[in-house]
Amino acid sequence: MKLRFIAIIFCVLLVYSGISFYIGWNGWLFLSTVFDLKSAGWYTLAAGLIAYAYIIGRAAYGTPLRPIAEAFKVVGSYWFAILEYAVLILPPANIIALILKATGADPAVYIVGVGSVVFGLMAILLLRGSWNAWSPIIRTYQVQVQKPAGELKKLRIAMASDLHLGNIVGNRHLERLVSHIEQIQPDLILLPGDILDDDIEPFLRKNMSAVLGKLKAPLGVYAVTGNHEYIGRKVPEFITAMDAIGIRVLMDESALIADSFYLVGRKDKASAGFGADGRMTIGDLIAPLDQSKPLIMLDHQPSDIAKAAENGIDISVSGHTHRGQMMPNHLITKRLFELDWGYLKKGSLHAIVSSGFGSWGPPIRIGSRSEVVHIEVEFVTG
């Protein structure tokens, strides 16, 4: 198994290196023509460092070189966005350039002209994508639950998934979250997973709990784990940090809120793959509950929507997909999940999946937005 894993990693790195070389070669062809450069030595070194920056940053993060490693991780994250769109843009651009060359066009046309268009498109994508990532919106859904909820007739929920707090998404973006949630003035705040971006260390070192702890609501603030909390392998420390700022993490647990409705919080499905206990089924979780009361479930990955509907869950909130984060990745998430973003009514279930508030890897969003979800719930009887 170890040899097989090594072989897979080697093949992935080989393909990645080949693609990076292809992008770097196109860049050199354009720059050397525009600036009449002769030696590619420094360019090759810089291009290689950028292409492997994220890997270098990850490898050096636990060493005394951490500040440099953080910078490398940031550079490498942006490189992933460049790589994805270069793979989509460069092949047709190369074909156009070859056709122009075959017709006898001057290099100023088929290299500089086409290259300038490619550079312009990449700049537009990165600038717009950055704006989409750092300029969150509030998205509102209105739902009716056909159950009584004690004295409650209405419930206002603010939900934000996939904060990915770490080296890239930090206190500045977190302040935006607090500001947007304060605009909603919710009765209840829900954080369905991936609050951390793997490692808890930058969350603690940058004192992000001081900002996250500003989230307050009359009925409380609740969270569940996402896959990235398990990737970081610090789930107990994460739960302790959340408890300290008044955020309760539900680990296959339920909470009766104001004697009116239940919150059901599931461990992420990734838990079993990281040395932790697997999670309970939805049926087992709700079996002890008074199911005549409304059931609101937090489940990081929207992979069990059908099961939630079958088991009588009234509202489910999820994230995880980022709606692909950078199109056309949304075509993949749409194939993987029954609902990869937005709202779905399935039986009596109201399923809501957020594209997330933060970002994984590059803080770039194309075809998706950073968002806070505002859910207006009306409890209807009779």
Protein backbone atom coordinates (compact mmCIF):
# COMPACT_ATOMS: atom_id res chain seq x y z
CA MET A 1 0.00 0.00 0.00
CA LYS A 2 2.86 2.38 0.82
CA LEU A 3 4.53 1.78 -2.54
CA ARG A 4 1.23 2.31 -4.30
CA PHE A 5 0.70 5.59 -2.45
CA ILE A 6 4.23 6.76 -3.34
CA ALA A 7 3.62 5.84 -7.00
CA ILE A 8 0.37 7.82 -7.06
CA ILE A 9 2.01 10.88 -5.48
CA PHE A 10 4.90 10.65 -7.95
CA CYS A 11 2.50 10.51 -10.92
CA VAL A 12 0.49 13.45 -9.59
CA LEU A 13 3.64 15.53 -9.11
CA LEU A 14 4.86 14.54 -12.59
CA VAL A 15 1.62 15.71 -14.21
CA TYR A 16 1.57 18.85 -12.06
CA SER A 17 5.17 19.63 -13.02
CA GLY A 18 4.39 19.13 -16.69
CA ILE A 19 1.45 21.53 -16.55
CA SER A 20 3.47 24.08 -14.60
CA PHE A 21 6.29 23.83 -17.16
CA TYR A 22 3.79 24.39 -19.97
CA ILE A 23 2.44 27.53 -18.29
CA GLY A 24 5.96 28.75 -17.47
CA TRP A 25 7.11 28.21 -21.06
CA ASN A 26 4.21 30.31 -22.37
CA GLY A 27 5.07 33.02 -19.88
CA TRP A 28 8.72 33.06 -20.95
CA LEU A 29 7.79 33.15 -24.64
CA PHE A 30 5.64 36.22 -24.03
CA LEU A 31 8.00 38.09 -21.68
CA SER A 32 11.17 37.36 -23.66
CA THR A 33 9.52 38.68 -26.83
CA VAL A 34 8.10 41.81 -25.19
CA PHE A 35 11.26 42.72 -23.24
CA ASP A 36 13.85 41.10 -25.54
CA LEU A 37 15.15 38.87 -22.74
CA LYS A 38 17.97 36.45 -23.55
CA SER A 39 18.65 34.40 -20.43
CA ALA A 40 15.90 32.41 -18.72
CA GLY A 41 17.88 31.64 -15.56
CA TRP A 42 16.22 33.99 -13.07
CA TYR A 43 12.83 33.50 -14.68
CA THR A 44 13.12 29.72 -14.37
CA LEU A 45 14.08 29.97 -10.70
CA ALA A 46 11.19 32.34 -9.92
CA ALA A 47 8.68 30.26 -11.89
CA GLY A 48 9.79 27.08 -10.14
CA LEU A 49 9.50 28.64 -6.68
CA ILE A 50 6.01 29.96 -7.47
CA ALA A 51 4.83 26.62 -8.88
CA TYR A 52 6.01 24.72 -5.80
CA ALA A 53 5.39 27.51 -3.28
CA TYR A 54 2.43 25.86 -1.58
CA ILE A 55 4.28 22.55 -1.17
CA ILE A 56 7.36 24.37 0.16
CA GLY A 57 5.20 26.38 2.56
CA ARG A 58 3.45 23.29 3.91
CA ALA A 59 6.75 21.47 4.38
CA ALA A 60 8.45 24.38 6.18
CA TYR A 61 5.47 25.49 8.28
CA GLY A 62 6.49 23.57 11.39
CA THR A 63 10.05 24.94 11.34
CA PRO A 64 11.58 28.25 12.54
CA LEU A 65 11.00 29.48 8.96
CA ARG A 66 7.24 29.74 9.60
CA PRO A 67 6.86 33.43 8.56
CA ILE A 68 8.50 32.66 5.21
CA ALA A 69 6.46 29.46 4.93
CA GLU A 70 3.23 31.44 5.41
CA ALA A 71 4.20 33.76 2.55
CA PHE A 72 4.97 30.76 0.34
CA LYS A 73 1.55 29.25 1.13
CA VAL A 74 -0.19 32.47 0.14
CA VAL A 75 1.74 32.71 -3.13
CA GLY A 76 1.10 29.03 -3.83
CA SER A 77 -2.62 29.46 -3.19
CA TYR A 78 -2.89 32.17 -5.84
CA TRP A 79 -0.83 30.01 -8.18
CA PHE A 80 -3.53 27.31 -8.03
CA ALA A 81 -6.04 29.80 -9.44
CA ILE A 82 -3.60 30.85 -12.17
CA LEU A 83 -2.91 27.21 -13.00
CA GLU A 84 -6.60 26.31 -13.35
CA TYR A 85 -7.46 29.17 -15.68
CA ALA A 86 -4.20 28.93 -17.62
CA VAL A 87 -5.06 25.30 -18.41
CA LEU A 88 -8.39 26.51 -19.83
CA ILE A 89 -7.13 29.59 -21.66
CA LEU A 90 -3.66 28.71 -22.99
CA PRO A 91 -4.45 25.73 -25.30
CA PRO A 92 -6.93 27.69 -27.50
CA ALA A 93 -4.60 30.71 -27.35
CA ASN A 94 -1.70 28.54 -28.58
CA ILE A 95 -3.83 27.19 -31.42
CA ILE A 96 -4.78 30.73 -32.48
CA ALA A 97 -1.11 31.79 -32.30
CA LEU A 98 -0.04 28.82 -34.46
CA ILE A 99 -2.70 29.63 -37.04
CA LEU A 100 -1.55 33.27 -37.17
CA LYS A 101 2.08 32.13 -37.48
CA ALA A 102 1.16 29.82 -40.36
CA THR A 103 -0.42 32.74 -42.22
CA GLY A 104 2.87 34.63 -42.00
CA ALA A 105 1.88 37.03 -39.24
CA ASP A 106 4.58 38.94 -37.37
CA PRO A 107 5.61 37.63 -33.89
CA ALA A 108 4.31 40.94 -32.52
CA VAL A 109 0.86 39.69 -33.51
CA TYR A 110 0.86 35.97 -32.72
CA ILE A 111 3.01 36.18 -29.56
CA VAL A 112 2.61 39.66 -28.13
CA GLY A 113 -0.96 40.22 -29.33
CA VAL A 114 -2.37 36.87 -28.29
CA GLY A 115 -0.26 36.87 -25.11
CA SER A 116 -1.60 40.28 -24.12
CA VAL A 117 -5.16 39.04 -24.50
CA VAL A 118 -4.38 36.01 -22.32
CA PHE A 119 -2.69 38.21 -19.70
CA GLY A 120 -5.68 40.57 -19.71
CA LEU A 121 -8.18 37.74 -19.29
CA MET A 122 -6.20 36.28 -16.40
CA ALA A 123 -5.99 39.67 -14.71
CA ILE A 124 -9.75 40.21 -15.04
CA LEU A 125 -10.51 36.75 -13.64
CA LEU A 126 -8.17 37.18 -10.66
CA LEU A 127 -9.37 40.70 -9.83
CA ARG A 128 -13.05 39.83 -10.14
CA GLY A 129 -12.53 36.56 -8.30
CA SER A 130 -10.78 38.33 -5.47
CA TRP A 131 -13.62 40.84 -5.18
CA ASN A 132 -16.17 38.02 -5.07
CA ALA A 133 -14.20 36.31 -2.29
CA TRP A 134 -13.67 39.36 -0.09
CA SER A 135 -17.06 41.08 -0.63
CA PRO A 136 -19.67 38.87 1.04
CA ILE A 137 -23.39 39.19 0.46
CA ILE A 138 -26.41 38.20 2.55
CA ARG A 139 -28.63 35.61 0.85
CA THR A 140 -32.15 35.19 2.23
CA TYR A 141 -34.47 32.16 2.25
CA GLN A 142 -37.98 32.02 3.68
CA VAL A 143 -39.37 28.65 4.78
CA GLN A 144 -42.49 27.34 6.50
CA VAL A 145 -42.33 24.41 8.90
CA GLN A 146 -45.62 22.60 9.46
CA LYS A 147 -45.04 22.00 13.16
CA PRO A 148 -45.66 23.97 16.35
CA ALA A 149 -42.56 25.32 18.10
CA GLY A 150 -43.85 26.09 21.58
CA GLU A 151 -44.34 29.82 21.99
CA LEU A 152 -42.26 30.58 18.89
CA LYS A 153 -44.10 31.59 15.74
CA LYS A 154 -41.08 32.75 13.80
CA LEU A 155 -37.33 32.17 13.94
CA ARG A 156 -34.56 34.20 12.31
CA ILE A 157 -31.37 32.24 11.62
CA ALA A 158 -27.99 33.49 10.42
CA MET A 159 -25.82 30.74 8.95
CA ALA A 160 -22.23 30.88 7.71
CA SER A 161 -20.31 27.83 6.59
CA ASP A 162 -16.71 27.25 5.51
CA LEU A 163 -14.98 30.18 7.18
CA HIS A 164 -11.60 28.47 6.62
CA LEU A 165 -9.86 30.64 9.20
CA GLY A 166 -6.09 30.36 8.95
CA ASN A 167 -3.19 31.94 7.13
CA ILE A 168 -5.25 33.54 4.35
CA VAL A 169 -8.72 34.14 5.78
CA GLY A 170 -8.20 36.01 9.02
CA ASN A 171 -9.50 38.70 11.33
CA ARG A 172 -10.30 41.27 8.65
CA HIS A 173 -12.69 38.95 6.82
CA LEU A 174 -13.98 37.69 10.15
CA GLU A 175 -14.98 41.26 11.05
CA ARG A 176 -17.05 41.29 7.85
CA LEU A 177 -18.82 38.16 9.08
CA VAL A 178 -19.65 39.79 12.41
CA SER A 179 -20.90 42.93 10.65
CA HIS A 180 -23.15 41.00 8.23
CA ILE A 181 -24.62 38.84 10.97
CA GLU A 182 -25.31 41.93 13.08
CA GLN A 183 -27.29 43.31 10.11
CA ILE A 184 -29.49 40.21 10.16
CA GLN A 185 -30.12 40.49 13.93
CA PRO A 186 -30.69 36.73 14.23
CA ASP A 187 -32.32 34.76 17.00
CA LEU A 188 -29.88 31.90 16.33
CA ILE A 189 -26.48 31.59 14.63
CA LEU A 190 -25.36 28.35 12.96
CA LEU A 191 -21.83 27.50 11.73
CA PRO A 192 -21.99 24.18 9.85
CA GLY A 193 -18.34 23.20 9.66
CA ASP A 194 -14.90 24.11 8.28
CA ILE A 195 -14.49 26.99 10.68
CA LEU A 196 -10.76 26.24 10.53
CA ASP A 197 -8.57 25.84 7.48
CA ASP A 198 -6.87 22.65 8.73
CA ASP A 199 -4.41 23.93 11.36
CA ILE A 200 -5.67 25.55 14.56
CA GLU A 201 -2.29 27.23 15.19
CA PRO A 202 -2.88 30.47 13.17
CA PHE A 203 -6.38 30.74 14.67
CA LEU A 204 -4.87 30.74 18.15
CA ARG A 205 -1.76 32.79 17.34
CA LYS A 206 -3.73 35.57 15.63
CA ASN A 207 -6.32 35.60 18.41
CA MET A 208 -9.19 35.11 15.98
CA SER A 209 -11.35 33.90 18.86
CA ALA A 210 -11.56 37.52 20.03
CA VAL A 211 -13.39 38.41 16.82
CA LEU A 212 -15.35 35.18 16.37
CA GLY A 213 -16.51 35.53 19.97
CA LYS A 214 -18.37 38.70 19.01
CA LEU A 215 -21.05 36.51 17.40
CA LYS A 216 -23.99 36.64 19.76
CA ALA A 217 -27.66 35.66 19.45
CA PRO A 218 -30.48 35.30 22.00
CA LEU A 219 -30.85 31.55 21.35
CA GLY A 220 -27.13 30.90 21.06
CA VAL A 221 -24.37 30.12 18.57
CA TYR A 222 -23.90 26.50 17.48
CA ALA A 223 -21.42 24.74 15.21
CA VAL A 224 -20.42 21.32 13.91
CA THR A 225 -17.14 19.95 12.61
CA GLY A 226 -16.22 19.94 8.95
CA ASN A 227 -13.67 17.85 7.11
CA HIS A 228 -10.95 20.48 7.60
CA GLU A 229 -11.20 20.29 11.38
CA TYR A 230 -10.34 16.59 11.03
CA ILE A 231 -7.58 17.23 8.50
CA GLY A 232 -5.96 19.46 11.13
CA ARG A 233 -6.26 16.62 13.68
CA LYS A 234 -6.98 19.07 16.52
CA VAL A 235 -10.70 18.51 17.05
CA PRO A 236 -10.55 18.43 20.88
CA GLU A 237 -8.53 21.68 20.92
CA PHE A 238 -11.01 23.19 18.44
CA ILE A 239 -13.98 22.30 20.64
CA THR A 240 -12.22 23.78 23.68
CA ALA A 241 -11.49 27.01 21.80
CA MET A 242 -15.14 27.27 20.69
CA ASP A 243 -16.47 26.57 24.20
CA ALA A 244 -14.30 29.39 25.54
CA ILE A 245 -16.10 31.95 23.36
CA GLY A 246 -19.61 30.60 23.88
CA ILE A 247 -19.96 28.55 20.69
CA ARG A 248 -21.23 25.03 21.32
CA VAL A 249 -19.97 22.37 18.92
CA LEU A 250 -22.53 19.59 18.52
CA MET A 251 -20.75 16.24 18.03
CA ASP A 252 -23.54 13.84 17.08
CA GLU A 253 -25.63 15.63 19.66
CA SER A 254 -28.94 17.44 19.89
CA ALA A 255 -29.96 20.49 21.87
CA LEU A 256 -33.50 21.50 22.80
CA ILE A 257 -33.73 25.25 22.22
CA ALA A 258 -36.20 27.32 24.28
CA ASP A 259 -38.30 24.19 24.75
CA SER A 260 -39.45 24.85 21.17
CA PHE A 261 -37.27 23.02 18.61
CA TYR A 262 -34.26 20.75 18.38
CA LEU A 263 -30.88 21.44 16.89
CA VAL A 264 -29.25 18.25 15.66
CA GLY A 265 -25.52 18.49 14.98
CA ARG A 266 -23.64 15.78 13.10
CA LYS A 267 -19.95 15.04 13.07
CA ASP A 268 -18.55 15.43 9.59
CA LYS A 269 -18.54 12.24 7.52
CA ALA A 270 -14.72 12.59 7.27
CA SER A 271 -14.42 11.78 10.98
CA ALA A 272 -14.05 8.04 10.43
CA GLY A 273 -11.13 8.54 8.05
CA PHE A 274 -8.94 10.46 10.51
CA GLY A 275 -8.68 8.06 13.42
CA ALA A 276 -11.87 9.32 15.04
CA ASP A 277 -15.04 7.40 15.76
CA GLY A 278 -17.52 7.27 12.90
CA ARG A 279 -20.72 9.24 13.17
CA MET A 280 -24.23 8.19 14.08
CA THR A 281 -27.00 7.83 11.55
CA ILE A 282 -29.67 10.50 11.40
CA GLY A 283 -32.24 7.96 12.58
CA ASP A 284 -30.21 7.07 15.67
CA LEU A 285 -29.59 10.75 16.45
CA ILE A 286 -33.24 11.73 16.45
CA ALA A 287 -34.70 8.51 17.92
CA PRO A 288 -34.73 9.86 21.54
CA LEU A 289 -36.23 13.21 20.53
CA ASP A 290 -39.82 14.43 20.58
CA GLN A 291 -40.28 14.52 16.84
CA SER A 292 -43.48 16.52 17.06
CA LYS A 293 -41.15 19.50 17.59
CA PRO A 294 -39.26 21.03 14.63
CA LEU A 295 -35.89 19.43 13.85
CA ILE A 296 -33.09 21.62 12.47
CA MET A 297 -29.94 19.76 11.45
CA LEU A 298 -26.38 20.94 10.87
CA ASP A 299 -24.44 18.60 8.57
CA HIS A 300 -21.30 19.99 6.95
CA GLN A 301 -21.47 17.97 3.73
CA PRO A 302 -24.82 17.87 1.90
CA SER A 303 -24.47 14.17 1.18
CA ASP A 304 -27.42 12.88 3.23
CA ILE A 305 -30.27 15.10 2.06
CA ALA A 306 -32.41 12.13 1.05
CA LYS A 307 -31.86 10.47 4.44
CA ALA A 308 -32.68 13.73 6.20
CA ALA A 309 -35.99 13.93 4.34
CA GLU A 310 -36.79 10.28 5.07
CA ASN A 311 -36.14 10.78 8.80
CA GLY A 312 -38.36 13.82 9.18
CA ILE A 313 -35.75 16.58 9.46
CA ASP A 314 -37.49 19.91 8.83
CA ILE A 315 -34.50 22.14 7.98
CA SER A 316 -30.96 21.08 7.11
CA VAL A 317 -28.06 23.50 6.67
CA SER A 318 -24.77 22.55 5.00
CA GLY A 319 -21.76 23.95 3.18
CA HIS A 320 -18.60 22.18 2.00
CA THR A 321 -19.10 22.53 -1.76
CA HIS A 322 -18.16 26.25 -2.08
CA ARG A 323 -20.30 25.90 -5.23
CA GLY A 324 -17.06 24.80 -6.86
CA GLN A 325 -15.49 28.16 -5.79
CA MET A 326 -14.03 28.71 -9.25
CA MET A 327 -16.12 27.87 -12.28
CA PRO A 328 -16.31 25.49 -14.09
CA ASN A 329 -15.69 23.45 -10.90
CA HIS A 330 -19.39 23.87 -10.11
CA LEU A 331 -20.09 21.32 -12.87
CA ILE A 332 -18.28 18.76 -10.70
CA THR A 333 -20.04 19.65 -7.44
CA LYS A 334 -23.42 19.53 -9.22
CA ARG A 335 -22.66 15.94 -10.23
CA LEU A 336 -21.45 14.94 -6.77
CA PHE A 337 -24.36 16.29 -4.70
CA GLU A 338 -28.12 16.34 -5.13
CA LEU A 339 -27.94 19.95 -3.96
CA ASP A 340 -24.55 21.63 -4.20
CA TRP A 341 -25.81 25.17 -3.54
CA GLY A 342 -29.01 26.99 -2.79
CA TYR A 343 -32.39 25.65 -1.67
CA LEU A 344 -34.27 22.38 -2.20
CA LYS A 345 -37.65 21.30 -0.88
CA LYS A 346 -37.73 17.51 -0.53
CA GLY A 347 -40.87 16.21 1.13
CA SER A 348 -41.19 18.22 4.33
CA LEU A 349 -37.44 18.97 4.37
CA HIS A 350 -36.09 22.43 3.58
CA ALA A 351 -32.44 21.85 2.56
CA ILE A 352 -30.10 24.84 2.29
CA VAL A 353 -26.48 24.62 1.12
CA SER A 354 -24.22 27.66 1.30
CA SER A 355 -21.34 28.47 -1.02
CA GLY A 356 -19.43 29.44 2.13
CA PHE A 357 -18.05 32.58 3.69
CA GLY A 358 -14.31 31.95 3.34
CA SER A 359 -12.32 30.15 0.68
CA TRP A 360 -10.01 27.17 0.39
CA GLY A 361 -6.69 27.70 -1.35
CA PRO A 362 -6.77 30.90 -3.40
CA PRO A 363 -9.13 33.61 -2.10
CA ILE A 364 -10.67 33.65 -5.56
CA ARG A 365 -14.32 33.02 -6.44
CA ILE A 366 -15.57 32.88 -10.01
CA GLY A 367 -19.24 31.96 -10.44
CA SER A 368 -19.74 31.94 -6.66
CA ARG A 369 -19.82 34.52 -3.89
CA SER A 370 -18.77 34.68 -0.29
CA GLU A 371 -22.08 34.68 1.55
CA VAL A 372 -23.91 34.74 4.85
CA VAL A 373 -27.27 32.94 4.76
CA HIS A 374 -30.33 34.52 6.37
CA ILE A 375 -33.18 32.06 6.98
CA GLU A 376 -36.62 33.32 8.01
CA VAL A 377 -38.57 30.40 9.48
CA GLU A 378 -42.31 30.48 10.09
CA PHE A 379 -43.86 27.72 12.18
CA VAL A 380 -47.34 26.91 10.89
CA THR A 381 -49.91 24.71 12.62
CA GLY A 382 -53.22 23.40 11.37
